[in-house]
Each structure stands twice: as structure tokens, then as C-alpha cells.
Protein backbone atom coordinates (compact mmCIF):
# COMPACT_ATOMS: atom_id res chain seq x y z
CA UNK A 1 0.29 0.21 0.07
CA UNK A 2 1.59 3.49 -1.14
CA UNK A 3 1.16 6.55 1.01
CA UNK A 4 0.11 8.45 -2.26
CA UNK A 5 -2.97 6.44 -2.25
CA UNK A 6 -5.98 7.82 -2.44
CA UNK A 7 -8.73 8.49 0.15
CA UNK A 8 -10.96 6.31 -1.03
CA UNK A 9 -8.59 3.40 -0.86
CA UNK A 10 -7.26 4.55 2.27
CA UNK A 11 -10.46 3.96 3.45
CA UNK A 12 -11.19 0.69 1.48
CA UNK A 13 -7.78 -0.64 3.01
CA UNK A 14 -9.27 0.18 6.59
CA UNK A 15 -12.21 -1.57 5.72
CA UNK A 16 -10.83 -5.04 4.72
CA UNK A 17 -7.62 -5.31 7.35
CA UNK A 18 -8.29 -7.53 9.50
CA UNK A 19 -7.69 -4.66 12.72
CA UNK A 20 -10.74 -2.78 11.45
CA UNK A 21 -13.13 -4.37 13.78
CA UNK A 22 -10.85 -2.99 16.30
CA UNK A 23 -11.97 0.42 14.86
CA UNK A 24 -15.57 -0.31 15.25
CA UNK A 25 -15.25 -1.83 18.33
CA UNK A 26 -13.60 1.71 19.32
CA UNK A 27 -16.37 4.03 18.12
CA UNK A 28 -19.42 1.89 19.85
CA UNK A 29 -17.46 1.69 23.07
CA UNK A 30 -19.46 3.52 25.80
CA UNK A 31 -18.95 6.96 26.94
CA UNK A 32 -18.52 5.35 30.66
CA UNK A 33 -15.73 3.61 29.46
CA UNK A 34 -14.51 6.48 27.57
CA UNK A 35 -14.47 8.48 30.94
CA UNK A 36 -13.23 6.34 32.90
CA UNK A 37 -9.87 5.67 30.57
CA UNK A 38 -9.66 9.09 30.95
CA UNK A 39 -9.95 9.50 34.27
CA UNK A 40 -6.85 6.61 34.69
CA UNK A 41 -4.75 8.05 31.82
CA UNK A 42 -5.10 11.55 32.91
CA UNK A 43 -2.70 11.44 36.32
CA UNK A 44 -0.16 9.55 34.04
CA UNK A 45 -0.21 12.30 31.35
CA UNK A 46 -0.31 15.01 33.85
CA UNK A 47 3.29 13.40 35.24
CA UNK A 48 4.86 12.57 31.46
CA UNK A 49 3.53 16.73 30.96
CA UNK A 50 4.81 18.30 34.00
CA UNK A 51 8.20 16.10 33.63
CA UNK A 52 8.53 17.33 29.57
CA UNK A 53 7.99 20.91 30.98
CA UNK A 54 10.35 21.37 32.96
CA UNK A 55 12.50 20.26 30.27
CA UNK A 56 11.71 22.34 27.84
CA UNK A 57 10.33 25.32 29.36
CA UNK A 58 12.03 28.62 28.73
CA UNK A 59 14.06 29.98 32.06
CA UNK A 60 15.29 33.62 33.07
CA UNK A 61 18.95 34.12 33.58
CA UNK A 62 18.03 35.42 36.75
CA UNK A 63 16.03 32.09 38.18
CA UNK A 64 17.90 29.58 40.58
CA UNK A 65 17.83 25.91 39.12
CA UNK A 66 14.73 24.24 40.21
CA UNK A 67 14.69 21.03 41.78
CA UNK A 68 13.21 18.41 38.73
CA UNK A 69 10.22 16.59 39.90
CA UNK A 70 7.51 14.26 38.40
CA UNK A 71 4.50 14.91 40.67
CA UNK A 72 2.81 18.50 39.75
CA UNK A 73 1.92 20.45 42.55
CA UNK A 74 3.59 17.70 45.23
CA UNK A 75 6.39 18.98 44.11
CA UNK A 76 9.37 17.46 46.23
CA UNK A 77 7.03 17.46 48.99
CA UNK A 78 7.11 13.82 49.32
CA UNK A 79 11.58 13.68 49.64
CA UNK A 80 11.41 16.55 51.62
CA UNK A 81 9.25 15.64 54.59
CA UNK A 82 10.52 12.00 55.13
CA UNK A 83 14.30 13.30 54.76
CA UNK A 84 15.36 16.98 54.72
CA UNK A 85 18.63 16.53 55.28
CA UNK A 86 19.39 14.57 53.31
CA UNK A 87 17.08 16.16 49.92
CA UNK A 88 18.73 20.02 51.07
CA UNK A 89 22.23 18.10 50.68
CA UNK A 90 21.52 16.00 48.04
CA UNK A 91 20.48 19.17 46.24
CA UNK A 92 22.97 21.37 47.20
CA UNK A 93 25.75 19.09 45.50
CA UNK A 94 24.04 18.92 41.89
CA UNK A 95 22.10 22.54 42.02
CA UNK A 96 24.48 24.14 44.79
CA UNK A 97 23.68 26.40 47.50
CA UNK A 98 20.93 28.03 45.71
CA UNK A 99 17.95 26.00 44.19
CA UNK A 100 13.89 26.31 43.56
CA UNK A 101 12.26 23.46 44.87
CA UNK A 102 8.44 23.41 44.80
CA UNK A 103 6.74 22.26 48.00
CA UNK A 104 3.22 21.43 47.74
CA UNK A 105 2.54 24.43 45.16
CA UNK A 106 4.89 26.48 47.12
CA UNK A 107 7.56 28.01 45.41
CA UNK A 108 10.87 27.70 47.85
CA UNK A 109 13.85 28.97 46.93
CA UNK A 110 16.58 27.34 48.91
CA UNK A 111 19.75 29.35 49.93
CA UNK A 112 22.25 26.80 52.35
CA UNK A 113 25.63 27.25 54.18
CA UNK A 114 26.31 30.45 56.25
CA UNK A 115 26.10 32.75 53.73
CA UNK A 116 22.75 30.98 52.74
CA UNK A 117 21.52 31.83 56.31
CA UNK A 118 22.81 34.91 56.53
CA UNK A 119 20.69 35.74 53.53
CA UNK A 120 17.42 34.87 54.86
CA UNK A 121 17.81 35.98 58.65
CA UNK A 122 19.65 38.92 57.70
CA UNK A 123 17.20 39.79 55.41
CA UNK A 124 15.30 43.17 56.00
CA UNK A 125 11.44 42.23 57.26
CA UNK A 126 9.93 44.49 54.03
CA UNK A 127 11.92 41.64 51.96
CA UNK A 128 11.02 38.40 53.93
CA UNK A 129 8.60 38.72 55.74
CA UNK A 130 8.27 35.74 58.91
CA UNK A 131 3.94 36.39 59.57
CA UNK A 132 3.17 35.46 55.79
CA UNK A 133 5.07 32.25 56.30
CA UNK A 134 3.94 31.41 59.69
CA UNK A 135 0.52 32.77 60.86
CA UNK A 136 -1.60 30.38 59.70
CA UNK A 137 -0.04 27.85 61.63
CA UNK A 138 0.46 29.87 65.13
CA UNK A 139 -2.80 32.08 65.52
CA UNK A 140 -5.27 29.39 65.55
CA UNK A 141 -2.71 27.67 68.45
CA UNK A 142 -1.44 31.46 70.05
CA UNK A 143 -4.00 33.48 69.25
CA UNK A 144 -5.19 37.12 67.63
CA UNK A 145 -3.27 39.78 67.86
CA UNK A 146 0.21 38.31 69.15
CA UNK A 147 3.19 36.94 67.19
CA UNK A 148 2.59 36.23 63.74
CA UNK A 149 -0.84 38.28 64.12
CA UNK A 150 0.34 41.62 64.24
CA UNK A 151 2.49 43.52 62.46
CA UNK A 152 6.42 43.37 62.56
CA UNK A 153 6.97 46.68 64.58
CA UNK A 154 4.32 45.15 67.32
CA UNK A 155 5.94 41.86 67.57
CA UNK A 156 9.38 43.20 67.71
CA UNK A 157 7.65 45.40 71.21
CA UNK A 158 6.07 41.69 72.52
CA UNK A 159 9.49 40.28 72.54
CA UNK A 160 10.79 42.92 74.48
CA UNK A 161 7.78 43.08 77.11
CA UNK A 162 8.79 39.34 77.22
CA UNK A 163 12.85 39.82 77.41
CA UNK A 164 11.84 42.48 80.36
CA UNK A 165 10.70 39.41 82.27
CA UNK A 166 13.25 37.28 81.61
CA UNK A 167 15.46 39.54 84.53
CA UNK A 168 18.42 37.80 87.00
CA UNK A 169 16.51 38.47 89.63
CA UNK A 170 13.85 36.21 88.13
CA UNK A 171 16.07 33.78 87.12
CA UNK A 172 18.44 33.17 90.17
CA UNK A 173 14.55 32.19 91.89
CA UNK A 174 14.01 29.70 88.94
CA UNK A 175 16.84 27.76 89.41
CA UNK A 176 15.60 26.65 93.22
CA UNK A 177 12.38 26.26 91.73
CA UNK A 178 13.69 23.79 89.13
CA UNK A 179 15.61 21.67 90.88
CA UNK A 180 12.71 21.20 93.38
CA UNK A 181 10.23 20.05 90.46
CA UNK A 182 12.72 17.66 89.39
CA UNK A 183 13.34 16.34 92.67
CA UNK A 184 9.42 15.80 93.54
CA UNK A 185 8.50 14.45 89.85
CA UNK A 186 11.82 11.71 90.01
CA UNK A 187 10.12 10.76 93.95
CA UNK A 188 6.62 10.60 92.73
CA UNK A 189 5.97 9.99 89.31
CA UNK A 190 5.41 6.02 88.22
CA UNK A 191 8.47 6.00 85.83
CA UNK A 192 10.83 6.42 88.42
CA UNK A 193 9.79 3.37 90.91
CA UNK A 194 12.84 1.56 90.79
CA UNK A 195 14.76 5.10 92.19
CA UNK A 196 11.64 5.78 94.75
CA UNK A 197 12.76 1.96 96.24
CA UNK A 198 16.40 3.06 97.14
CA UNK A 199 17.86 0.34 95.49
CA UNK A 200 21.26 1.73 93.67
CA UNK A 201 21.16 -2.14 91.97
CA UNK A 202 18.20 -2.68 90.27
CA UNK A 203 17.36 -0.85 86.82
CA UNK A 204 14.62 1.10 85.86
CA UNK A 205 13.79 2.98 82.68
CA UNK A 206 11.76 5.76 81.00
CA UNK A 207 10.25 7.24 77.75
CA UNK A 208 13.17 10.20 77.16
CA UNK A 209 10.59 12.47 75.26
CA UNK A 210 7.46 10.93 77.63
CA UNK A 211 9.76 12.04 80.66
CA UNK A 212 10.78 15.09 80.07
CA UNK A 213 8.54 16.29 78.57
CA UNK A 214 6.35 16.19 81.90
CA UNK A 215 9.80 17.70 83.86
CA UNK A 216 9.61 20.70 80.93
CA UNK A 217 6.33 21.88 81.84
CA UNK A 218 6.31 21.38 84.97
CA UNK A 219 9.35 23.38 85.93
CA UNK A 220 8.22 25.85 83.14
CA UNK A 221 4.56 26.41 84.85
CA UNK A 222 6.48 26.57 88.14
CA UNK A 223 8.63 29.36 86.66
CA UNK A 224 7.83 31.71 83.74
CA UNK A 225 3.85 30.36 83.95
CA UNK A 226 3.37 31.22 87.30
CA UNK A 227 1.80 29.49 90.61
CA UNK A 228 -1.76 29.56 89.61
CA UNK A 229 -1.03 27.76 86.35
CA UNK A 230 1.35 25.04 88.39
CA UNK A 231 -1.38 24.89 91.02
CA UNK A 232 -3.73 23.97 87.50
CA UNK A 233 -2.05 21.41 86.12
CA UNK A 234 -4.60 18.58 86.63
CA UNK A 235 -6.02 16.17 84.26
CA UNK A 236 -7.99 18.96 82.67
CA UNK A 237 -5.29 20.96 81.67
CA UNK A 238 -3.13 17.94 80.41
CA UNK A 239 -6.52 17.44 78.19
CA UNK A 240 -6.29 20.89 77.01
CA UNK A 241 -2.62 21.43 76.39
CA UNK A 242 -2.76 17.97 74.48
CA UNK A 243 -5.64 19.46 72.40
CA UNK A 244 -4.45 22.21 71.15
CA UNK A 245 -0.43 20.59 71.02
CA UNK A 246 -2.55 18.51 68.40
CA UNK A 247 -2.95 22.17 65.77
CA UNK A 248 0.61 22.39 65.92
CA UNK A 249 1.67 19.36 63.30
CA UNK A 250 3.41 20.08 60.05
CA UNK A 251 -0.42 19.35 58.50
CA UNK A 252 -1.63 22.22 60.23
CA UNK A 253 1.13 24.07 58.80
CA UNK A 254 0.24 23.07 55.38
CA UNK A 255 -3.39 23.69 55.41
CA UNK A 256 -4.46 26.06 58.35
CA UNK A 257 -7.94 24.81 58.89
CA UNK A 258 -9.83 21.55 57.57
CA UNK A 259 -13.01 19.72 58.22
CA UNK A 260 -11.39 17.45 61.22
CA UNK A 261 -12.17 16.75 64.36
CA UNK A 262 -8.49 17.68 65.67
CA UNK A 263 -9.11 20.91 64.29
CA UNK A 264 -12.06 21.51 66.24
CA UNK A 265 -10.36 20.28 69.27
CA UNK A 266 -7.62 22.97 68.81
CA UNK A 267 -9.77 25.48 68.56
CA UNK A 268 -11.62 25.01 71.84
CA UNK A 269 -9.19 24.19 73.71
CA UNK A 270 -7.58 27.87 72.47
CA UNK A 271 -10.62 29.72 73.56
CA UNK A 272 -10.78 27.66 77.02
CA UNK A 273 -6.71 27.79 77.54
CA UNK A 274 -6.99 31.90 76.82
CA UNK A 275 -10.17 32.01 79.50
CA UNK A 276 -8.61 30.71 81.82
CA UNK A 277 -5.23 32.82 81.66
CA UNK A 278 -7.18 35.99 81.51
CA UNK A 279 -8.73 34.38 84.46
CA UNK A 280 -5.84 34.57 86.26
CA UNK A 281 -5.05 38.67 85.11
CA UNK A 282 -8.41 39.83 86.02
CA UNK A 283 -7.84 37.97 89.65
CA UNK A 284 -4.76 39.31 90.14
CA UNK A 285 -5.58 43.05 88.73
CA UNK A 286 -8.92 42.83 91.42
CA UNK A 287 -6.83 41.36 94.51
CA UNK A 288 -3.72 42.51 94.52
CA UNK A 289 -1.58 41.24 97.71
CA UNK A 290 1.90 41.63 99.21
CA UNK A 291 3.00 38.47 97.68
CA UNK A 292 5.74 38.70 95.19
CA UNK A 293 5.66 36.66 91.61
CA UNK A 294 8.22 36.19 89.66
CA UNK A 295 6.78 34.85 86.87
CA UNK A 296 6.07 36.13 83.23
CA UNK A 297 2.05 37.24 83.90
CA UNK A 298 3.43 39.99 86.66
CA UNK A 299 6.10 41.54 83.99
CA UNK A 300 3.71 41.79 81.62
CA UNK A 301 1.19 43.31 83.41
CA UNK A 302 3.09 46.49 83.83
CA UNK A 303 4.33 47.06 80.23
CA UNK A 304 2.92 49.44 77.64
CA UNK A 305 2.97 50.31 74.40
CA UNK A 306 4.63 52.74 72.43
CA UNK A 307 2.10 55.13 72.33
CA UNK A 308 1.44 54.66 75.97
CA UNK A 309 -1.56 51.97 75.82
CA UNK A 310 -0.99 48.60 77.99
CA UNK A 311 -1.07 45.28 77.37
CA UNK A 312 -4.28 44.09 76.69
CA UNK A 313 -5.57 40.62 78.96
CA UNK A 314 -6.09 38.77 75.84
CA UNK A 315 -2.85 39.74 74.54
CA UNK A 316 -1.08 38.51 77.74
CA UNK A 317 -3.29 35.44 77.48
CA UNK A 318 -1.88 34.55 74.04
CA UNK A 319 1.67 35.35 75.04
CA UNK A 320 1.47 32.91 77.86
CA UNK A 321 0.03 30.53 75.36
CA UNK A 322 3.23 30.94 73.20
CA UNK A 323 5.38 30.99 75.56
CA UNK A 324 4.18 27.28 77.04
CA UNK A 325 3.63 25.94 73.38
CA UNK A 326 6.88 27.09 71.90
CA UNK A 327 9.40 26.60 74.90
CA UNK A 328 7.99 23.43 75.70
CA UNK A 329 8.39 21.54 72.27
CA UNK A 330 11.91 23.23 71.92
CA UNK A 331 13.36 22.26 75.46
CA UNK A 332 11.73 18.95 75.37
CA UNK A 333 13.65 17.72 72.27
CA UNK A 334 16.76 19.16 73.67
CA UNK A 335 15.93 17.25 76.76
CA UNK A 336 15.43 13.76 75.11
CA UNK A 337 18.52 14.42 73.29
CA UNK A 338 20.66 15.11 75.58
CA UNK A 339 19.19 12.39 77.64
CA UNK A 340 20.36 9.66 75.39
CA UNK A 341 23.48 10.68 74.20
CA UNK A 342 24.24 10.63 78.22
CA UNK A 343 23.09 7.17 78.64
CA UNK A 344 24.96 6.33 74.94
CA UNK A 345 28.50 8.19 76.32
CA UNK A 346 29.13 6.99 79.95
CA UNK A 347 32.52 7.96 79.85
CA UNK A 348 30.43 11.87 78.76
CA UNK A 349 28.09 10.83 81.91
CA UNK A 350 30.77 10.23 84.42
CA UNK A 351 32.46 13.58 83.22
CA UNK A 352 29.58 15.55 84.21
CA UNK A 353 28.94 13.62 87.38
CA UNK A 354 32.62 14.71 88.31
CA UNK A 355 32.09 18.36 87.76
CA UNK A 356 28.88 18.22 89.83
CA UNK A 357 30.36 17.04 92.69
CA UNK A 358 33.80 19.04 92.38
CA UNK A 359 31.28 22.07 92.16
CA UNK A 360 28.46 21.32 94.69
CA UNK A 361 29.91 18.33 96.55
CA UNK A 362 29.18 17.94 100.50
CA UNK A 363 31.87 15.54 102.73
CA UNK A 364 28.68 13.30 103.25
CA UNK A 365 28.48 12.40 100.18
CA UNK A 366 25.49 15.17 99.66
CA UNK A 367 25.49 18.05 97.24
CA UNK A 368 24.60 21.94 97.75
CA UNK A 369 21.41 23.52 96.07
CA UNK A 370 22.78 24.84 92.86
CA UNK A 371 22.55 28.85 92.50
CA UNK A 372 22.22 30.40 89.37
CA UNK A 373 25.76 32.09 89.14
CA UNK A 374 27.11 28.23 89.62
CA UNK A 375 25.68 27.75 85.96
CA UNK A 376 28.32 30.16 84.10
CA UNK A 377 31.23 27.57 85.70
CA UNK A 378 30.38 24.33 84.19
CA UNK A 379 32.09 23.82 81.73
CA UNK A 380 31.26 20.09 80.38
CA UNK A 381 27.39 21.00 81.29
CA UNK A 382 27.65 23.91 79.18
CA UNK A 383 29.46 21.64 76.38
CA UNK A 384 26.73 18.88 76.62
CA UNK A 385 24.01 21.32 75.87
CA UNK A 386 26.04 23.51 73.47
CA UNK A 387 26.84 19.91 71.44
CA UNK A 388 23.55 18.22 71.53
CA UNK A 389 21.54 21.74 69.88
CA UNK A 390 24.58 21.83 67.15
CA UNK A 391 22.99 17.81 66.03
CA UNK A 392 19.67 18.02 66.60
CA UNK A 393 18.64 21.80 66.42
CA UNK A 394 15.19 21.92 67.51
CA UNK A 395 14.11 23.94 64.34
CA UNK A 396 16.07 22.43 61.51
CA UNK A 397 14.83 25.22 58.54
CA UNK A 398 13.39 28.83 58.97
CA UNK A 399 10.95 29.98 55.94
CA UNK A 400 10.29 33.51 54.84
CA UNK A 401 7.82 34.93 52.71
CA UNK A 402 9.21 36.97 49.69
CA UNK A 403 7.67 40.49 49.47
CA UNK A 404 9.27 42.24 46.34
CA UNK A 405 12.10 40.87 44.40
CA UNK A 406 15.09 40.23 46.18
CA UNK A 407 18.58 39.49 44.39
CA UNK A 408 20.95 36.88 45.76
CA UNK A 409 24.46 38.11 46.44
CA UNK A 410 26.85 37.31 44.23
CA UNK A 411 29.23 35.63 46.54
CA UNK A 412 25.79 33.25 47.32
CA UNK A 413 25.01 32.33 43.62
CA UNK A 414 28.09 32.62 41.38
CA UNK A 415 29.70 29.16 42.00
CA UNK A 416 26.16 27.78 40.01
CA UNK A 417 25.07 30.37 38.47
CA UNK A 418 24.13 30.53 34.77
CA UNK A 419 22.91 33.92 35.06
CA UNK A 420 25.44 36.76 33.21
CA UNK A 421 26.35 38.62 36.29
CA UNK A 422 26.46 35.56 38.67
CA UNK A 423 23.05 36.50 40.20
CA UNK A 424 19.55 34.95 41.02
CA UNK A 425 16.34 36.69 41.68
CA UNK A 426 14.59 35.64 44.05
CA UNK A 427 10.92 36.42 42.75
CA UNK A 428 7.88 38.32 44.76
CA UNK A 429 5.25 35.97 46.22
CA UNK A 430 6.96 33.09 46.60
CA UNK A 431 9.25 31.86 49.49
CA UNK A 432 13.06 31.95 50.95
CA UNK A 433 14.32 28.88 52.98
CA UNK A 434 17.34 28.82 55.18
CA UNK A 435 18.69 25.41 57.44
CA UNK A 436 20.68 26.50 59.35
CA UNK A 437 21.60 22.52 60.38
CA UNK A 438 23.36 22.47 57.12
CA UNK A 439 26.03 24.58 58.03
CA UNK A 440 25.51 22.78 61.70
CA UNK A 441 26.66 19.23 60.05
CA UNK A 442 28.76 20.58 57.04
CA UNK A 443 31.85 18.24 57.40
CA UNK A 444 34.20 21.26 55.70
CA UNK A 445 33.34 22.77 58.94
CA UNK A 446 33.45 20.23 61.45
CA UNK A 447 35.15 17.47 62.42
CA UNK A 448 33.15 14.14 62.33
CA UNK A 449 30.38 16.36 61.98
CA UNK A 450 27.73 14.07 62.61
CA UNK A 451 29.05 12.59 65.57
CA UNK A 452 28.15 14.34 69.25
CA UNK A 453 31.10 15.03 70.47
CA UNK A 454 30.95 17.87 73.54
CA UNK A 455 34.52 17.74 74.12
CA UNK A 456 34.75 20.04 70.73
CA UNK A 457 33.59 22.50 72.67
CA UNK A 458 36.39 23.17 74.63
CA UNK A 459 39.14 23.60 72.49
CA UNK A 460 39.27 27.57 72.85
CA UNK A 461 40.67 27.96 69.21
CA UNK A 462 38.93 24.87 67.42
CA UNK A 463 36.04 25.97 65.01
CA UNK A 464 33.09 25.37 67.88
CA UNK A 465 34.96 28.13 69.73
CA UNK A 466 34.85 30.25 66.80
CA UNK A 467 31.20 29.52 65.61
CA UNK A 468 30.06 30.36 69.24
CA UNK A 469 32.24 33.68 69.20
CA UNK A 470 30.24 34.54 65.71
CA UNK A 471 27.14 33.51 67.41
CA UNK A 472 27.30 35.51 70.73
CA UNK A 473 29.14 38.15 69.86
CA UNK A 474 29.47 39.23 66.45
CA UNK A 475 33.12 40.82 67.33
CA UNK A 476 30.90 43.75 69.67
CA UNK A 477 28.58 44.06 66.45
CA UNK A 478 25.49 44.56 68.33
CA UNK A 479 21.90 45.77 66.65
CA UNK A 480 18.81 46.61 68.08
CA UNK A 481 15.63 45.49 66.06
CA UNK A 482 12.85 46.28 68.87
CA UNK A 483 13.94 44.35 71.69
CA UNK A 484 16.92 45.41 72.83
CA UNK A 485 20.70 45.04 71.69
CA UNK A 486 21.58 41.48 70.36
CA UNK A 487 24.23 39.59 68.80
CA UNK A 488 23.00 39.52 64.75
CA UNK A 489 24.91 35.75 64.25
CA UNK A 490 23.84 35.51 61.07
CA UNK A 491 26.86 34.68 59.89
CA UNK A 492 27.96 31.76 62.19
CA UNK A 493 27.98 28.17 61.32
CA UNK A 494 26.34 27.28 64.69
CA UNK A 495 22.62 29.16 64.81
CA UNK A 496 20.79 26.82 67.22
CA UNK A 497 18.18 29.65 68.40
CA UNK A 498 17.67 31.08 65.11
CA UNK A 499 19.42 34.44 64.44
CA UNK A 500 18.86 38.11 63.24
CA UNK A 501 15.18 39.72 63.99
CA UNK A 502 13.08 36.74 64.89
CA UNK A 503 16.30 35.34 67.22
CA UNK A 504 14.62 33.55 70.03
CA UNK A 505 14.54 35.77 73.12
CA UNK A 506 13.62 32.84 75.26
CA UNK A 507 17.53 31.14 74.62
CA UNK A 508 18.63 31.71 78.41
CA UNK A 509 16.17 30.86 80.09
CA UNK A 510 16.03 27.62 77.96
CA UNK A 511 20.28 27.39 78.70
CA UNK A 512 18.65 27.60 82.73
CA UNK A 513 16.29 25.44 82.91
CA UNK A 514 18.19 22.43 80.70
CA UNK A 515 21.24 22.98 82.57
CA UNK A 516 19.48 23.34 85.84
CA UNK A 517 17.54 19.33 84.89
CA UNK A 518 20.43 17.64 83.32
CA UNK A 519 22.64 18.74 86.34
CA UNK A 520 19.30 17.62 88.83
CA UNK A 521 19.28 14.13 86.87
CA UNK A 522 22.67 13.48 86.16
CA UNK A 523 23.11 13.88 90.14
CA UNK A 524 20.52 11.04 90.70
CA UNK A 525 20.94 8.67 88.25
CA UNK A 526 23.35 6.34 85.98
CA UNK A 527 22.31 6.38 82.60
CA UNK A 528 22.70 3.69 79.98
CA UNK A 529 21.41 3.49 76.64
CA UNK A 530 20.01 -0.31 75.77
CA UNK A 531 20.24 0.54 71.77
CA UNK A 532 21.99 2.79 69.68
CA UNK A 533 20.89 6.76 69.43
CA UNK A 534 17.84 6.99 67.56
CA UNK A 535 17.48 8.51 64.08
CA UNK A 536 15.94 12.41 63.34
CA UNK A 537 11.95 11.73 63.17
CA UNK A 538 11.55 14.21 60.41
CA UNK A 539 7.41 14.05 60.21
CA UNK A 540 7.57 16.47 63.57
CA UNK A 541 7.25 19.90 63.29
CA UNK A 542 10.62 20.02 66.51
CA UNK A 543 13.17 17.75 65.44
CA UNK A 544 12.24 14.37 67.84
CA UNK A 545 14.08 11.18 67.97
CA UNK A 546 11.99 8.34 66.72
CA UNK A 547 11.77 5.06 68.42
CA UNK A 548 13.09 3.06 70.19
CA UNK A 549 13.88 5.87 72.93
CA UNK A 550 13.60 4.14 76.49
CA UNK A 551 16.51 5.30 78.68
CA UNK A 552 17.81 2.82 81.12
CA UNK A 553 18.78 4.22 85.00
CA UNK A 554 19.85 3.18 88.26
CA UNK A 555 20.10 5.16 91.29
CA UNK A 556 23.24 6.67 92.38
CA UNK A 557 24.70 5.45 95.72
CA UNK A 558 25.18 8.74 97.24
CA UNK A 559 22.21 10.45 96.02
């Protein structure tokens, strides 16, 4: 059959060939069958088109490279969600320190390394907006008119108000309170029944996250939250906290409101907890007494905005909820990781215990109470906490919404840039993301980067000490973002509490709380880990350990 045949010849050929019956059957196929075929094949065609489009679509010279992804809209979200560190490191090798990925429809430009963190965390708030990135997650949990539900300049004032409550006078009182709470917890909690039996030969066990979470909330409520909150830590409050905590998950970060029971529980709990704090505030205002309060509620009651307006009761209540929720997760994670590592390294735990003996030990084998000033003279404890925060920073990435086109500095983009001038541009209405953990685990910076080794912090000339100096002092350069002068810290490879404008103001309290709890625990028990240290669980907003995370303990002889 020649391809030059006439149309009639074609028709005759088709009619006489054996497969002509197939053509007729296709013509007679029911519409429902066509619909099913279309439904089945549409996703496949969409995936193929998405892959093809990434190869042939024109790209501006100033556009960062885009991470190849098969699934439209979903993009790289599955890979990123399961292993963000592996995802970032693989992309860094392939594309350099600057690249764009698609995460559930969001166009996110990632900038890695020290310069990448400095680009995002040191950027102007008019260009990189934290509220646009996080308010859909935090506002339903914290409440209205605070943190990311208010203009940035108002939030900076609120941070200053909180900072005013974190005084040295209060810290001196908090150390004793925290140690008392740890002691009472270990004497009464069923998880420490072996300790309570006063037998130095038997071993007990506890879940690292569950135990540290309870100790964290007990100590935070006794100190920052106030006596009414501590006294109200009953089953009802625990349920409220649990329901509110259920709204602080990756699902809530991606979707602010869904018709799910967990969302409804979150909203009901937020209202009840807000009312709980407002009631405390009103009772204090109505019945002032001579008792001294060292808590944050009392401090916030005294603060006024620049125009002279005092904080409203619901604003105080919502700031207290923010302190409770944010501090609880991060401190719990750091404590759990610290305990797990100490249990896996008896040599470090022994050095930590010996430091306690030398600083606080009495002749009869007992210990004197810790004081706030003591915490400045415990280098082993300090090294243990800092190393835990290096390897397991509670928050592994920080995101901002882009409000205007922002050029990426040539020094950051040049190594992999294909643009003529070596500069990429991050477009308006997208997102940027920094991941300090990538720098904190970078083998080009740290020796045995993935190994938990507290001794690295004792070398005054080493990388760790230099990174810490840059983070805390910045060669004397301080910036006031509206809540008091602080070190930028954006150019350090060590940023466990963020950096720049949104650096965590609870940093000092966190060190005090974690340090006192760890010291009190190590004084009382030996720790052992029957398994290896768990892997990271990336399916939680805060970097928690996976199972198994059971720690074995034995009462010390002279406790």
C-alpha cells in the first residue's frame, strides 16, 4: 500500500484489514468507558507533561535552578518531608547552595550554608516576611493579636516585653524552683519507681520524650507561667494542652483549616486556655497582694506599647500560650536528645557527674543546692548542651515569605549561577528557606560533623569556639531590632536559636532550664542506652527522636 494512495483507497484498506473490527469496537465503546480511561490516564499524562515541561520550558537567566520533580503541585514535598537533610544535601551537590523546589504548590528558594542563612535571616523584614510564612500555623494555636498575628513592629515590642520578664533576679529564683520540681517528680512519678525504692542495684527505664516533656512543663509552669498555672496542672489542663498541641503539626502548617476533629479540638482548647489565663490576670488585678510573683504574667501586666497603651488581657493570655507551646516543644526535644546521648556515652556522663561533685559536693556525699551563678562555671554541662543543639537543633529550617524581588548576592549564587552577572533573583510572592542544620553538620566545617562529641567545645581555638563567638558576640556588633540590642549571629555556622530579627528571646531561660534539669538528673541516676541513639523523626515540626527511645537508669549511691 503506497502512502500516495487516494482517500478512497485508504478507506477501502481500513475496511478490509483484520483490525478494522477493532476500530468499529472503539467507535461503539460506551461514554462511561471513555470517562474511566480518561480518569485513569489523566494523572499519567499530567506527570509526563510536568516532567517534559521542566525540560523544555524557557527559564530566565536570573532564575535559580529548579529541583526536578515528577509530581505536579506536590513537587519535592514527599522527599523533603521524609528526609529534609538528605534532600538538601543531595540538591546542594547537584545545584549548589541556591536552588528552588516546589513544596505542595509553594515555590521555595532554598539558600544553604553560612551565606545562605545570612541571606535569609539577615534580610530586611520588608522583603522577607515571617508573618506570611507562619501566621496560618501559629495564630489558631497562640491566639489573635500576638506574635505573627500583628505587624512586625508590634511583635518586636512584645518580644521586648517578654525580655523584660527574663531578669537575673527571676533567674536566681528559678534555679531552685526547677531543681525542686525535678526532685519531686523523680520521688513521685511511676516511671521512677525503681529510683524511689532506694535500691542502687536495680535498673529502671523511662521514655526520653514522655519523661522530659512532663519535667519541662512542670518546671516552666512553676517559673515563667506562675503559681496558678502550676497549681492548675491537673487532668483537665493536660487535656487542653494536648488538644492545643494537636494543632501544632506539619499538617496544620500546610493547611490552616480542615474539617477534622483535631482542628475543632484545637480551636476549643485555644478558647478555654485563653479564658483560663485571662481569669488569672483579672483575679490578680482585682486582688493585689503582698506576695512576690517572679513570673511572666506579672511582668507583662506592667508593660505598655510606645503609644502608652497597656497590653490587653487577651494579649497577655495569648503571649503566655505562645511561651508555653513554643518553649515546651524545643526544650523537651533538647532534653530528650541530651539524655539519650548521655546514656549512650557513659564517659561523658561520668565527666558531667564529676563536675557536679567538684562544684557542689559535700563531705558526706550529698550535694548543695545549685545557684544561678554556678551555671556559668560548668564547662562540661555547657559543652554537652551546645553539642546537642548543634547535632539536633529543634527547628531544622526557617522560612520567609518574599514581599519583593530580591537579588541573591553574587558571592552566594556565583558558584553555580548560569546568569550573566552571577546573580539570581528570588521573585516576589514566593518563599525563601534557610536550613542552619546543614551548616551545623557540614563536614567541611566540623570534624566528624555527625558525631556527638562535646569535647569539641573545650578547644578555645577550635571551630566550635569560633562559631560560638560569632553567634554570641559578632565581634562586638550589636543590633536593636526593637527588643534590645542583640548579636546578629547570622554569619555563624552555629545557630541553634535562630538569628537576626527573629532570634529566640527565650535562649537564656532555655539554657537555664535545660542545664538545671540535666544537672539534677545526673546527680541522682546513672544512665544507659540499650540501643543506639535514635534517628531523627522528620514528621514532627520539632526535631524529635524516633523510637526506640527508652533510657535505662540506676540510682546513684550517694543521692
